[in-house]
Amino acid sequence: MNRSAYALPVIVIAIAAALSSIFIVDEREKALVLQFGQIVQVKEEPGIGFKIPLIQEVVRYDDRILALDVDPLEVTPLDDRRLIVDAFARYRISNVERFRQAVGTGGEDAAARRLDSILRAETREVLGSVSSNDILSTDRAALMLRIRNAAIAEANALGLSVIDVRLKRTDLPAENLNATFARMIAEREREAEDERARGREAAQRIEAQADRTVVELVSDANREARVIQGEADAERNAIFAQAYGQDGEFFEFYRSLEAYGKAIGTGNARLVLSPDHEFFDYLRNENGTAAVDN
C-alpha cells in the first residue's frame, strides 16, 4: 500500500516531464531551442521536437511573409525638389539562428525597427540619385527594385529576406504642393485665356466673312432687282408705246390729263403762263380762251 502511494506521484512527475519535453512546430512558424540563452537546436520544419525540461526553452518565430509600413520620409532628388515618400515592404525571417543573434530578445518588433531604418536609408540614397520626374512617373518599378536589392544585403545580416519594396505614395510637401497648385491654376488660366483669344479671333473672322457675304448677296440682289425692274420698265414702255401708237391724238390727250393732274390737281397751285400756251390746248373753250384762272 505504501509502495503504491509513492509510485503514483513519481508516475505523474514522469508524465509531466515527458510532456514538457515535447513541443510542436506547425507550418506557420520556426523555433529555436535555447539553453541558458544559447541556441542548442534549430527547428525549421513542422513537426514534433524535444527539449530538456526546465533547462531548455522554445522560442517561436513567424515563418509567414510579414509586412512593414515604412514611416513617411522626405527625400531630395537631383533637381532639389523635395518629396514626401510613403513605402512598404514585405519580408520574412529566413534564418532564425542569425535573426536571434542579431536582435536578441527584442524579437520581431526590434527587427521591424531595424529593417525600417535600413529601408529609409536606402530609399533616400536611391531616390536622391534620380530626378523628381523619374520618381513621380508611373514607371517606378526600376527604382523600387534598386531599393529592394540595396536593402537585401543588410537585411540578410539580420536573418531577414526582403521580398518586395513598393512606393505607395509620392507627394510634394504641403508648402510646395500649394505653390504647385497655384502654378497649375495660373497655367490653366493662361491656356483658357489663349483659347478665348483664339475664339474671339475666329468669331471676328467669321463675322467679317458673314458681313462680306451679306454685302455680296445684297449687291447681287440689288443688281438683279435693277435688271428685272429695267426689263419690266422696258416691257411697260413697249406696251404703252404699242397702245399709244394705235391713236396718237388720244395719247397726247391722256398725257396732257396726267400733266394737269400733277400741276393743278391738288393744293393751291397757281400757274403763271401765257393764255395761249400749248399747255392749255385741251382746256380752251370753243372761242379759244382758257378755262382756268391764269
C-alpha atoms as a PDB file:
ATOM      1  CA  MET A   1       0.000   0.000   0.000  1.00  0.00           C
ATOM      2  CA  ASN A   2       2.745   2.420   0.930  1.00  0.00           C
ATOM      3  CA  ARG A   3       4.686   1.448  -2.190  1.00  0.00           C
ATOM      4  CA  SER A   4       1.689   2.369  -4.418  1.00  0.00           C
ATOM      5  CA  ALA A   5       1.322   5.712  -2.671  1.00  0.00           C
ATOM      6  CA  TYR A   6       4.906   6.618  -3.580  1.00  0.00           C
ATOM      7  CA  ALA A   7       4.664   5.302  -7.111  1.00  0.00           C
ATOM      8  CA  LEU A   8       1.732   7.486  -8.168  1.00  0.00           C
ATOM      9  CA  PRO A   9       3.493  10.861  -7.703  1.00  0.00           C
ATOM     10  CA  VAL A  10       6.544   9.504  -9.460  1.00  0.00           C
ATOM     11  CA  ILE A  11       4.429   8.461 -12.435  1.00  0.00           C
ATOM     12  CA  VAL A  12       2.709  11.848 -12.541  1.00  0.00           C
ATOM     13  CA  ILE A  13       6.049  13.651 -12.419  1.00  0.00           C
ATOM     14  CA  ALA A  14       7.415  11.406 -15.158  1.00  0.00           C
ATOM     15  CA  ILE A  15       4.423  12.050 -17.383  1.00  0.00           C
ATOM     16  CA  ALA A  16       4.666  15.811 -16.790  1.00  0.00           C
ATOM     17  CA  ALA A  17       8.355  15.765 -17.551  1.00  0.00           C
ATOM     18  CA  ALA A  18       7.771  13.782 -20.721  1.00  0.00           C
ATOM     19  CA  LEU A  19       5.054  16.175 -21.876  1.00  0.00           C
ATOM     20  CA  SER A  20       7.146  19.239 -21.106  1.00  0.00           C
ATOM     21  CA  SER A  21       9.984  17.822 -23.140  1.00  0.00           C
ATOM     22  CA  ILE A  22       7.818  17.683 -26.248  1.00  0.00           C
ATOM     23  CA  PHE A  23       6.947  20.731 -28.379  1.00  0.00           C
ATOM     24  CA  ILE A  24       5.165  21.032 -31.717  1.00  0.00           C
ATOM     25  CA  VAL A  25       6.125  23.350 -34.564  1.00  0.00           C
ATOM     26  CA  ASP A  26       3.411  23.995 -37.179  1.00  0.00           C
ATOM     27  CA  GLU A  27       3.914  25.070 -40.791  1.00  0.00           C
ATOM     28  CA  ARG A  28       3.477  28.774 -39.999  1.00  0.00           C
ATOM     29  CA  GLU A  29       6.470  29.091 -37.690  1.00  0.00           C
ATOM     30  CA  LYS A  30      10.051  28.223 -36.911  1.00  0.00           C
ATOM     31  CA  ALA A  31      11.502  27.518 -33.477  1.00  0.00           C
ATOM     32  CA  LEU A  32      14.762  27.717 -31.537  1.00  0.00           C
ATOM     33  CA  VAL A  33      15.647  25.642 -28.507  1.00  0.00           C
ATOM     34  CA  LEU A  34      17.659  27.720 -26.033  1.00  0.00           C
ATOM     35  CA  GLN A  35      19.655  26.544 -23.069  1.00  0.00           C
ATOM     36  CA  PHE A  36      20.677  29.330 -20.708  1.00  0.00           C
ATOM     37  CA  GLY A  37      20.225  31.790 -23.611  1.00  0.00           C
ATOM     38  CA  GLN A  38      22.361  29.820 -26.014  1.00  0.00           C
ATOM     39  CA  ILE A  39      20.978  28.179 -29.153  1.00  0.00           C
ATOM     40  CA  VAL A  40      21.204  24.430 -28.973  1.00  0.00           C
ATOM     41  CA  GLN A  41      18.683  23.426 -31.630  1.00  0.00           C
ATOM     42  CA  VAL A  42      17.006  24.949 -34.698  1.00  0.00           C
ATOM     43  CA  LYS A  43      13.603  23.598 -35.695  1.00  0.00           C
ATOM     44  CA  GLU A  44      12.568  24.950 -39.116  1.00  0.00           C
ATOM     45  CA  GLU A  45      10.437  22.061 -40.351  1.00  0.00           C
ATOM     46  CA  PRO A  46       6.929  21.475 -38.965  1.00  0.00           C
ATOM     47  CA  GLY A  47       6.569  18.524 -36.606  1.00  0.00           C
ATOM     48  CA  ILE A  48       7.402  17.331 -33.096  1.00  0.00           C
ATOM     49  CA  GLY A  49      10.578  18.381 -31.306  1.00  0.00           C
ATOM     50  CA  PHE A  50      12.173  17.529 -27.979  1.00  0.00           C
ATOM     51  CA  LYS A  51      13.920  19.582 -25.310  1.00  0.00           C
ATOM     52  CA  ILE A  52      15.182  19.101 -21.789  1.00  0.00           C
ATOM     53  CA  PRO A  53      12.506  20.191 -19.336  1.00  0.00           C
ATOM     54  CA  LEU A  54      13.285  23.139 -17.053  1.00  0.00           C
ATOM     55  CA  ILE A  55      16.700  23.641 -18.596  1.00  0.00           C
ATOM     56  CA  GLN A  56      15.808  24.372 -22.196  1.00  0.00           C
ATOM     57  CA  GLU A  57      13.119  26.669 -23.607  1.00  0.00           C
ATOM     58  CA  VAL A  58      11.498  27.041 -27.016  1.00  0.00           C
ATOM     59  CA  VAL A  59      11.283  30.408 -28.803  1.00  0.00           C
ATOM     60  CA  ARG A  60       8.965  30.575 -31.790  1.00  0.00           C
ATOM     61  CA  TYR A  61       9.128  32.947 -34.764  1.00  0.00           C
ATOM     62  CA  ASP A  62       6.623  33.594 -37.538  1.00  0.00           C
ATOM     63  CA  ASP A  63       7.577  31.907 -40.800  1.00  0.00           C
ATOM     64  CA  ARG A  64       4.982  33.711 -42.905  1.00  0.00           C
ATOM     65  CA  ILE A  65       5.552  36.741 -45.146  1.00  0.00           C
ATOM     66  CA  LEU A  66       5.382  39.861 -42.989  1.00  0.00           C
ATOM     67  CA  ALA A  67       4.509  43.420 -43.990  1.00  0.00           C
ATOM     68  CA  LEU A  68       6.222  46.601 -42.874  1.00  0.00           C
ATOM     69  CA  ASP A  69       4.868  50.113 -43.450  1.00  0.00           C
ATOM     70  CA  VAL A  70       7.811  52.479 -43.651  1.00  0.00           C
ATOM     71  CA  ASP A  71       7.124  55.797 -41.973  1.00  0.00           C
ATOM     72  CA  PRO A  72       6.776  58.686 -44.476  1.00  0.00           C
ATOM     73  CA  LEU A  73      10.130  60.300 -45.141  1.00  0.00           C
ATOM     74  CA  GLU A  74      11.336  63.340 -47.038  1.00  0.00           C
ATOM     75  CA  VAL A  75      13.767  62.850 -49.916  1.00  0.00           C
ATOM     76  CA  THR A  76      15.595  65.365 -52.087  1.00  0.00           C
ATOM     77  CA  PRO A  77      16.083  64.253 -55.738  1.00  0.00           C
ATOM     78  CA  LEU A  78      18.758  65.602 -58.058  1.00  0.00           C
ATOM     79  CA  ASP A  79      16.656  68.620 -59.033  1.00  0.00           C
ATOM     80  CA  ASP A  80      16.288  69.683 -55.351  1.00  0.00           C
ATOM     81  CA  ARG A  81      12.537  69.266 -55.496  1.00  0.00           C
ATOM     82  CA  ARG A  82      11.640  67.828 -52.099  1.00  0.00           C
ATOM     83  CA  LEU A  83       9.209  64.921 -51.972  1.00  0.00           C
ATOM     84  CA  ILE A  84       7.393  63.011 -49.239  1.00  0.00           C
ATOM     85  CA  VAL A  85       7.614  59.259 -49.887  1.00  0.00           C
ATOM     86  CA  ASP A  86       5.461  56.588 -48.269  1.00  0.00           C
ATOM     87  CA  ALA A  87       6.633  52.981 -48.818  1.00  0.00           C
ATOM     88  CA  PHE A  88       6.018  49.463 -47.567  1.00  0.00           C
ATOM     89  CA  ALA A  89       7.979  46.226 -47.685  1.00  0.00           C
ATOM     90  CA  ARG A  90       7.284  42.512 -47.492  1.00  0.00           C
ATOM     91  CA  TYR A  91       9.812  40.275 -45.829  1.00  0.00           C
ATOM     92  CA  ARG A  92      10.212  37.038 -43.905  1.00  0.00           C
ATOM     93  CA  ILE A  93      12.558  35.550 -41.333  1.00  0.00           C
ATOM     94  CA  SER A  94      14.854  33.385 -43.443  1.00  0.00           C
ATOM     95  CA  ASN A  95      17.475  32.408 -40.845  1.00  0.00           C
ATOM     96  CA  VAL A  96      16.136  32.150 -37.296  1.00  0.00           C
ATOM     97  CA  GLU A  97      19.559  31.498 -35.753  1.00  0.00           C
ATOM     98  CA  ARG A  98      21.063  34.625 -37.297  1.00  0.00           C
ATOM     99  CA  PHE A  99      17.870  36.523 -36.510  1.00  0.00           C
ATOM    100  CA  ARG A 100      18.148  35.597 -32.812  1.00  0.00           C
ATOM    101  CA  GLN A 101      21.778  36.604 -32.690  1.00  0.00           C
ATOM    102  CA  ALA A 102      21.069  39.939 -34.392  1.00  0.00           C
ATOM    103  CA  VAL A 103      18.011  41.124 -32.470  1.00  0.00           C
ATOM    104  CA  GLY A 104      18.359  39.130 -29.233  1.00  0.00           C
ATOM    105  CA  THR A 105      15.255  39.136 -27.084  1.00  0.00           C
ATOM    106  CA  GLY A 106      13.756  42.082 -28.991  1.00  0.00           C
ATOM    107  CA  GLY A 107      12.105  39.681 -31.401  1.00  0.00           C
ATOM    108  CA  GLU A 108      10.114  40.717 -34.431  1.00  0.00           C
ATOM    109  CA  ASP A 109       9.424  44.253 -33.211  1.00  0.00           C
ATOM    110  CA  ALA A 110      13.130  45.016 -32.918  1.00  0.00           C
ATOM    111  CA  ALA A 111      13.748  43.500 -36.352  1.00  0.00           C
ATOM    112  CA  ALA A 112      10.983  45.631 -37.870  1.00  0.00           C
ATOM    113  CA  ARG A 113      12.539  48.790 -36.428  1.00  0.00           C
ATOM    114  CA  ARG A 114      15.973  47.913 -37.783  1.00  0.00           C
ATOM    115  CA  LEU A 115      14.559  46.995 -41.180  1.00  0.00           C
ATOM    116  CA  ASP A 116      12.647  50.290 -41.221  1.00  0.00           C
ATOM    117  CA  SER A 117      15.928  52.168 -40.700  1.00  0.00           C
ATOM    118  CA  ILE A 118      17.598  50.175 -43.493  1.00  0.00           C
ATOM    119  CA  LEU A 119      14.768  50.863 -45.953  1.00  0.00           C
ATOM    120  CA  ARG A 120      14.635  54.551 -45.099  1.00  0.00           C
ATOM    121  CA  ALA A 121      18.374  54.934 -45.704  1.00  0.00           C
ATOM    122  CA  GLU A 122      18.293  53.013 -48.997  1.00  0.00           C
ATOM    123  CA  THR A 123      15.192  54.887 -50.177  1.00  0.00           C
ATOM    124  CA  ARG A 124      16.883  58.237 -49.577  1.00  0.00           C
ATOM    125  CA  GLU A 125      20.036  57.096 -51.357  1.00  0.00           C
ATOM    126  CA  VAL A 126      18.281  55.635 -54.417  1.00  0.00           C
ATOM    127  CA  LEU A 127      15.697  58.411 -54.861  1.00  0.00           C
ATOM    128  CA  GLY A 128      18.352  61.044 -54.267  1.00  0.00           C
ATOM    129  CA  SER A 129      20.237  59.813 -57.331  1.00  0.00           C
ATOM    130  CA  VAL A 130      17.389  60.491 -59.818  1.00  0.00           C
ATOM    131  CA  SER A 131      15.186  63.432 -60.745  1.00  0.00           C
ATOM    132  CA  SER A 132      11.754  64.071 -59.300  1.00  0.00           C
ATOM    133  CA  ASN A 133      10.171  63.396 -62.690  1.00  0.00           C
ATOM    134  CA  ASP A 134      11.558  59.851 -62.587  1.00  0.00           C
ATOM    135  CA  ILE A 135      10.109  59.355 -59.113  1.00  0.00           C
ATOM    136  CA  LEU A 136       6.700  60.821 -59.974  1.00  0.00           C
ATOM    137  CA  SER A 137       6.372  58.888 -63.213  1.00  0.00           C
ATOM    138  CA  THR A 138       4.172  55.816 -63.388  1.00  0.00           C
ATOM    139  CA  ASP A 139       7.118  53.595 -64.341  1.00  0.00           C
ATOM    140  CA  ARG A 140       8.855  53.356 -60.954  1.00  0.00           C
ATOM    141  CA  ALA A 141       9.455  49.596 -60.919  1.00  0.00           C
ATOM    142  CA  ALA A 142      13.189  50.031 -61.576  1.00  0.00           C
ATOM    143  CA  LEU A 143      13.553  52.381 -58.591  1.00  0.00           C
ATOM    144  CA  MET A 144      11.688  50.025 -56.269  1.00  0.00           C
ATOM    145  CA  LEU A 145      13.868  47.123 -57.453  1.00  0.00           C
ATOM    146  CA  ARG A 146      17.014  49.140 -56.718  1.00  0.00           C
ATOM    147  CA  ILE A 147      15.798  49.871 -53.190  1.00  0.00           C
ATOM    148  CA  ARG A 148      14.997  46.215 -52.594  1.00  0.00           C
ATOM    149  CA  ASN A 149      18.329  44.990 -53.929  1.00  0.00           C
ATOM    150  CA  ALA A 150      20.227  47.561 -51.848  1.00  0.00           C
ATOM    151  CA  ALA A 151      18.391  46.503 -48.675  1.00  0.00           C
ATOM    152  CA  ILE A 152      18.829  42.745 -49.207  1.00  0.00           C
ATOM    153  CA  ALA A 153      22.468  42.564 -48.044  1.00  0.00           C
ATOM    154  CA  GLU A 154      21.851  44.484 -44.819  1.00  0.00           C
ATOM    155  CA  ALA A 155      18.632  42.605 -44.148  1.00  0.00           C
ATOM    156  CA  ASN A 156      20.431  39.268 -44.578  1.00  0.00           C
ATOM    157  CA  ALA A 157      22.709  40.229 -41.704  1.00  0.00           C
ATOM    158  CA  LEU A 158      19.549  40.305 -39.553  1.00  0.00           C
ATOM    159  CA  GLY A 159      18.401  36.919 -40.817  1.00  0.00           C
ATOM    160  CA  LEU A 160      15.699  38.569 -42.907  1.00  0.00           C
ATOM    161  CA  SER A 161      14.866  38.164 -46.577  1.00  0.00           C
ATOM    162  CA  VAL A 162      13.380  41.242 -48.269  1.00  0.00           C
ATOM    163  CA  ILE A 163      10.833  40.044 -50.826  1.00  0.00           C
ATOM    164  CA  ASP A 164       9.457  43.295 -52.201  1.00  0.00           C
ATOM    165  CA  VAL A 165       9.535  47.057 -51.702  1.00  0.00           C
ATOM    166  CA  ARG A 166       6.807  49.324 -53.004  1.00  0.00           C
ATOM    167  CA  LEU A 167       6.337  53.092 -53.092  1.00  0.00           C
ATOM    168  CA  LYS A 168       2.737  53.599 -52.036  1.00  0.00           C
ATOM    169  CA  ARG A 169       2.563  57.361 -52.405  1.00  0.00           C
ATOM    170  CA  THR A 170       4.852  60.165 -53.501  1.00  0.00           C
ATOM    171  CA  ASP A 171       3.711  63.694 -52.707  1.00  0.00           C
ATOM    172  CA  LEU A 172       5.101  67.180 -52.534  1.00  0.00           C
ATOM    173  CA  PRO A 173       5.401  68.839 -49.111  1.00  0.00           C
ATOM    174  CA  ALA A 174       2.420  70.982 -48.166  1.00  0.00           C
ATOM    175  CA  GLU A 175       4.136  74.310 -48.947  1.00  0.00           C
ATOM    176  CA  ASN A 176       5.436  73.023 -52.297  1.00  0.00           C
ATOM    177  CA  LEU A 177       2.071  71.457 -53.053  1.00  0.00           C
ATOM    178  CA  ASN A 178       0.293  74.804 -52.603  1.00  0.00           C
ATOM    179  CA  ALA A 179       2.830  76.526 -54.852  1.00  0.00           C
ATOM    180  CA  THR A 180       2.421  73.774 -57.437  1.00  0.00           C
ATOM    181  CA  PHE A 181      -1.359  74.110 -57.335  1.00  0.00           C
ATOM    182  CA  ALA A 182      -1.066  77.886 -57.761  1.00  0.00           C
ATOM    183  CA  ARG A 183       1.254  77.407 -60.748  1.00  0.00           C
ATOM    184  CA  MET A 184      -1.120  74.847 -62.263  1.00  0.00           C
ATOM    185  CA  ILE A 185      -4.057  77.241 -61.796  1.00  0.00           C
ATOM    186  CA  ALA A 186      -2.086  80.051 -63.454  1.00  0.00           C
ATOM    187  CA  GLU A 187      -1.142  77.779 -66.360  1.00  0.00           C
ATOM    188  CA  ARG A 188      -4.751  76.666 -66.817  1.00  0.00           C
ATOM    189  CA  GLU A 189      -5.958  80.292 -66.689  1.00  0.00           C
ATOM    190  CA  ARG A 190      -3.355  81.254 -69.299  1.00  0.00           C
ATOM    191  CA  GLU A 191      -4.436  78.366 -71.516  1.00  0.00           C
ATOM    192  CA  ALA A 192      -8.070  79.380 -71.051  1.00  0.00           C
ATOM    193  CA  GLU A 193      -7.257  82.999 -71.997  1.00  0.00           C
ATOM    194  CA  ASP A 194      -5.397  81.756 -75.083  1.00  0.00           C
ATOM    195  CA  GLU A 195      -8.432  79.681 -76.042  1.00  0.00           C
ATOM    196  CA  ARG A 196     -10.714  82.684 -75.527  1.00  0.00           C
ATOM    197  CA  ALA A 197      -8.406  84.875 -77.638  1.00  0.00           C
ATOM    198  CA  ARG A 198      -8.410  82.292 -80.418  1.00  0.00           C
ATOM    199  CA  GLY A 199     -12.191  82.093 -80.118  1.00  0.00           C
ATOM    200  CA  ARG A 200     -12.544  85.869 -80.391  1.00  0.00           C
ATOM    201  CA  GLU A 201     -10.246  85.893 -83.421  1.00  0.00           C
ATOM    202  CA  ALA A 202     -12.257  83.115 -85.056  1.00  0.00           C
ATOM    203  CA  ALA A 203     -15.503  84.946 -84.239  1.00  0.00           C
ATOM    204  CA  GLN A 204     -14.216  88.159 -85.818  1.00  0.00           C
ATOM    205  CA  ARG A 205     -13.077  86.243 -88.873  1.00  0.00           C
ATOM    206  CA  ILE A 206     -16.442  84.521 -89.200  1.00  0.00           C
ATOM    207  CA  GLU A 207     -18.296  87.800 -88.616  1.00  0.00           C
ATOM    208  CA  ALA A 208     -16.222  89.581 -91.275  1.00  0.00           C
ATOM    209  CA  GLN A 209     -16.880  86.735 -93.697  1.00  0.00           C
ATOM    210  CA  ALA A 210     -20.594  86.906 -92.903  1.00  0.00           C
ATOM    211  CA  ASP A 211     -20.659  90.716 -93.430  1.00  0.00           C
ATOM    212  CA  ARG A 212     -18.860  90.331 -96.750  1.00  0.00           C
ATOM    213  CA  THR A 213     -21.295  87.621 -97.764  1.00  0.00           C
ATOM    214  CA  VAL A 214     -24.218  89.876 -96.799  1.00  0.00           C
ATOM    215  CA  VAL A 215     -22.804  92.752 -98.869  1.00  0.00           C
ATOM    216  CA  GLU A 216     -22.284  90.462-101.827  1.00  0.00           C
ATOM    217  CA  LEU A 217     -25.764  88.976-101.539  1.00  0.00           C
ATOM    218  CA  VAL A 218     -27.404  92.400-101.194  1.00  0.00           C
ATOM    219  CA  SER A 219     -25.348  93.748-104.088  1.00  0.00           C
ATOM    220  CA  ASP A 220     -26.283  90.778-106.272  1.00  0.00           C
ATOM    221  CA  ALA A 221     -29.935  91.110-105.235  1.00  0.00           C
ATOM    222  CA  ASN A 222     -29.988  94.863-105.997  1.00  0.00           C
ATOM    223  CA  ARG A 223     -28.328  94.285-109.345  1.00  0.00           C
ATOM    224  CA  GLU A 224     -30.776  91.539-110.169  1.00  0.00           C
ATOM    225  CA  ALA A 225     -33.656  93.734-108.973  1.00  0.00           C
ATOM    226  CA  ARG A 226     -32.494  96.611-111.161  1.00  0.00           C
ATOM    227  CA  VAL A 227     -32.172  94.277-114.125  1.00  0.00           C
ATOM    228  CA  ILE A 228     -35.678  92.926-113.528  1.00  0.00           C
ATOM    229  CA  GLN A 229     -37.030  96.436-112.989  1.00  0.00           C
ATOM    230  CA  GLY A 230     -35.325  97.676-116.149  1.00  0.00           C
ATOM    231  CA  GLU A 231     -36.762  94.750-118.097  1.00  0.00           C
ATOM    232  CA  ALA A 232     -40.196  95.462-116.613  1.00  0.00           C
ATOM    233  CA  ASP A 233     -39.954  99.161-117.438  1.00  0.00           C
ATOM    234  CA  ALA A 234     -38.877  98.335-120.951  1.00  0.00           C
ATOM    235  CA  GLU A 235     -41.787  95.925-121.301  1.00  0.00           C
ATOM    236  CA  ARG A 236     -44.165  98.518-119.857  1.00  0.00           C
ATOM    237  CA  ASN A 237     -42.878 101.208-122.183  1.00  0.00           C
ATOM    238  CA  ALA A 238     -43.211  98.820-125.073  1.00  0.00           C
ATOM    239  CA  ILE A 239     -46.837  98.115-124.099  1.00  0.00           C
ATOM    240  CA  PHE A 240     -47.527 101.823-123.676  1.00  0.00           C
ATOM    241  CA  ALA A 241     -45.850 102.599-126.989  1.00  0.00           C
ATOM    242  CA  GLN A 242     -47.878  99.945-128.706  1.00  0.00           C
ATOM    243  CA  ALA A 243     -51.084 101.182-127.108  1.00  0.00           C
ATOM    244  CA  TYR A 244     -50.389 104.822-127.728  1.00  0.00           C
ATOM    245  CA  GLY A 245     -49.231 104.164-131.241  1.00  0.00           C
ATOM    246  CA  GLN A 246     -52.702 102.994-132.191  1.00  0.00           C
ATOM    247  CA  ASP A 247     -54.149 106.507-131.561  1.00  0.00           C
ATOM    248  CA  GLY A 248     -51.658 109.393-131.384  1.00  0.00           C
ATOM    249  CA  GLU A 249     -54.230 112.034-130.563  1.00  0.00           C
ATOM    250  CA  PHE A 250     -55.599 110.008-127.630  1.00  0.00           C
ATOM    251  CA  PHE A 251     -52.026 109.525-126.377  1.00  0.00           C
ATOM    252  CA  GLU A 252     -51.444 113.278-126.363  1.00  0.00           C
ATOM    253  CA  PHE A 253     -54.793 113.836-124.631  1.00  0.00           C
ATOM    254  CA  TYR A 254     -54.006 111.231-121.958  1.00  0.00           C
ATOM    255  CA  ARG A 255     -50.556 112.665-121.279  1.00  0.00           C
ATOM    256  CA  SER A 256     -51.988 116.145-121.022  1.00  0.00           C
ATOM    257  CA  LEU A 257     -54.525 114.965-118.443  1.00  0.00           C
ATOM    258  CA  GLU A 258     -51.730 113.414-116.405  1.00  0.00           C
ATOM    259  CA  ALA A 259     -49.829 116.706-116.580  1.00  0.00           C
ATOM    260  CA  TYR A 260     -52.928 118.649-115.491  1.00  0.00           C
ATOM    261  CA  GLY A 261     -53.438 116.294-112.574  1.00  0.00           C
ATOM    262  CA  LYS A 262     -49.876 116.740-111.372  1.00  0.00           C
ATOM    263  CA  ALA A 263     -49.849 120.503-111.908  1.00  0.00           C
ATOM    264  CA  ILE A 264     -53.235 121.683-110.624  1.00  0.00           C
ATOM    265  CA  GLY A 265     -54.913 118.617-109.258  1.00  0.00           C
ATOM    266  CA  THR A 266     -54.346 119.320-105.516  1.00  0.00           C
ATOM    267  CA  GLY A 267     -53.471 122.249-103.296  1.00  0.00           C
ATOM    268  CA  ASN A 268     -53.499 125.938-104.090  1.00  0.00           C
ATOM    269  CA  ALA A 269     -51.285 125.701-107.155  1.00  0.00           C
ATOM    270  CA  ARG A 270     -51.022 128.704-109.475  1.00  0.00           C
ATOM    271  CA  LEU A 271     -49.588 128.657-112.962  1.00  0.00           C
ATOM    272  CA  VAL A 272     -48.142 131.797-114.455  1.00  0.00           C
ATOM    273  CA  LEU A 273     -48.346 131.092-118.158  1.00  0.00           C
ATOM    274  CA  SER A 274     -49.445 132.834-121.268  1.00  0.00           C
ATOM    275  CA  PRO A 275     -53.132 132.089-122.037  1.00  0.00           C
ATOM    276  CA  ASP A 276     -52.247 130.843-125.451  1.00  0.00           C
ATOM    277  CA  HIS A 277     -49.614 128.440-124.167  1.00  0.00           C
ATOM    278  CA  GLU A 278     -49.870 124.990-125.622  1.00  0.00           C
ATOM    279  CA  PHE A 279     -50.254 123.591-122.089  1.00  0.00           C
ATOM    280  CA  PHE A 280     -53.879 124.734-122.205  1.00  0.00           C
ATOM    281  CA  ASP A 281     -54.757 123.236-125.557  1.00  0.00           C
ATOM    282  CA  TYR A 282     -57.254 120.767-124.059  1.00  0.00           C
ATOM    283  CA  LEU A 283     -58.639 123.308-121.558  1.00  0.00           C
ATOM    284  CA  ARG A 284     -59.688 126.019-124.017  1.00  0.00           C
ATOM    285  CA  ASN A 285     -63.304 126.877-124.741  1.00  0.00           C
ATOM    286  CA  GLU A 286     -64.692 126.826-128.226  1.00  0.00           C
ATOM    287  CA  ASN A 287     -63.968 130.533-128.516  1.00  0.00           C
ATOM    288  CA  GLY A 288     -60.249 129.800-127.802  1.00  0.00           C
ATOM    289  CA  THR A 289     -59.964 131.168-124.261  1.00  0.00           C
ATOM    290  CA  ALA A 290     -58.525 129.100-121.410  1.00  0.00           C
ATOM    291  CA  ALA A 291     -60.969 127.635-118.924  1.00  0.00           C
ATOM    292  CA  VAL A 292     -58.648 128.171-115.938  1.00  0.00           C
ATOM    293  CA  ASP A 293     -57.612 131.191-113.980  1.00  0.00           C
ATOM    294  CA  ASN A 294     -54.297 132.440-115.303  1.00  0.00           C
END
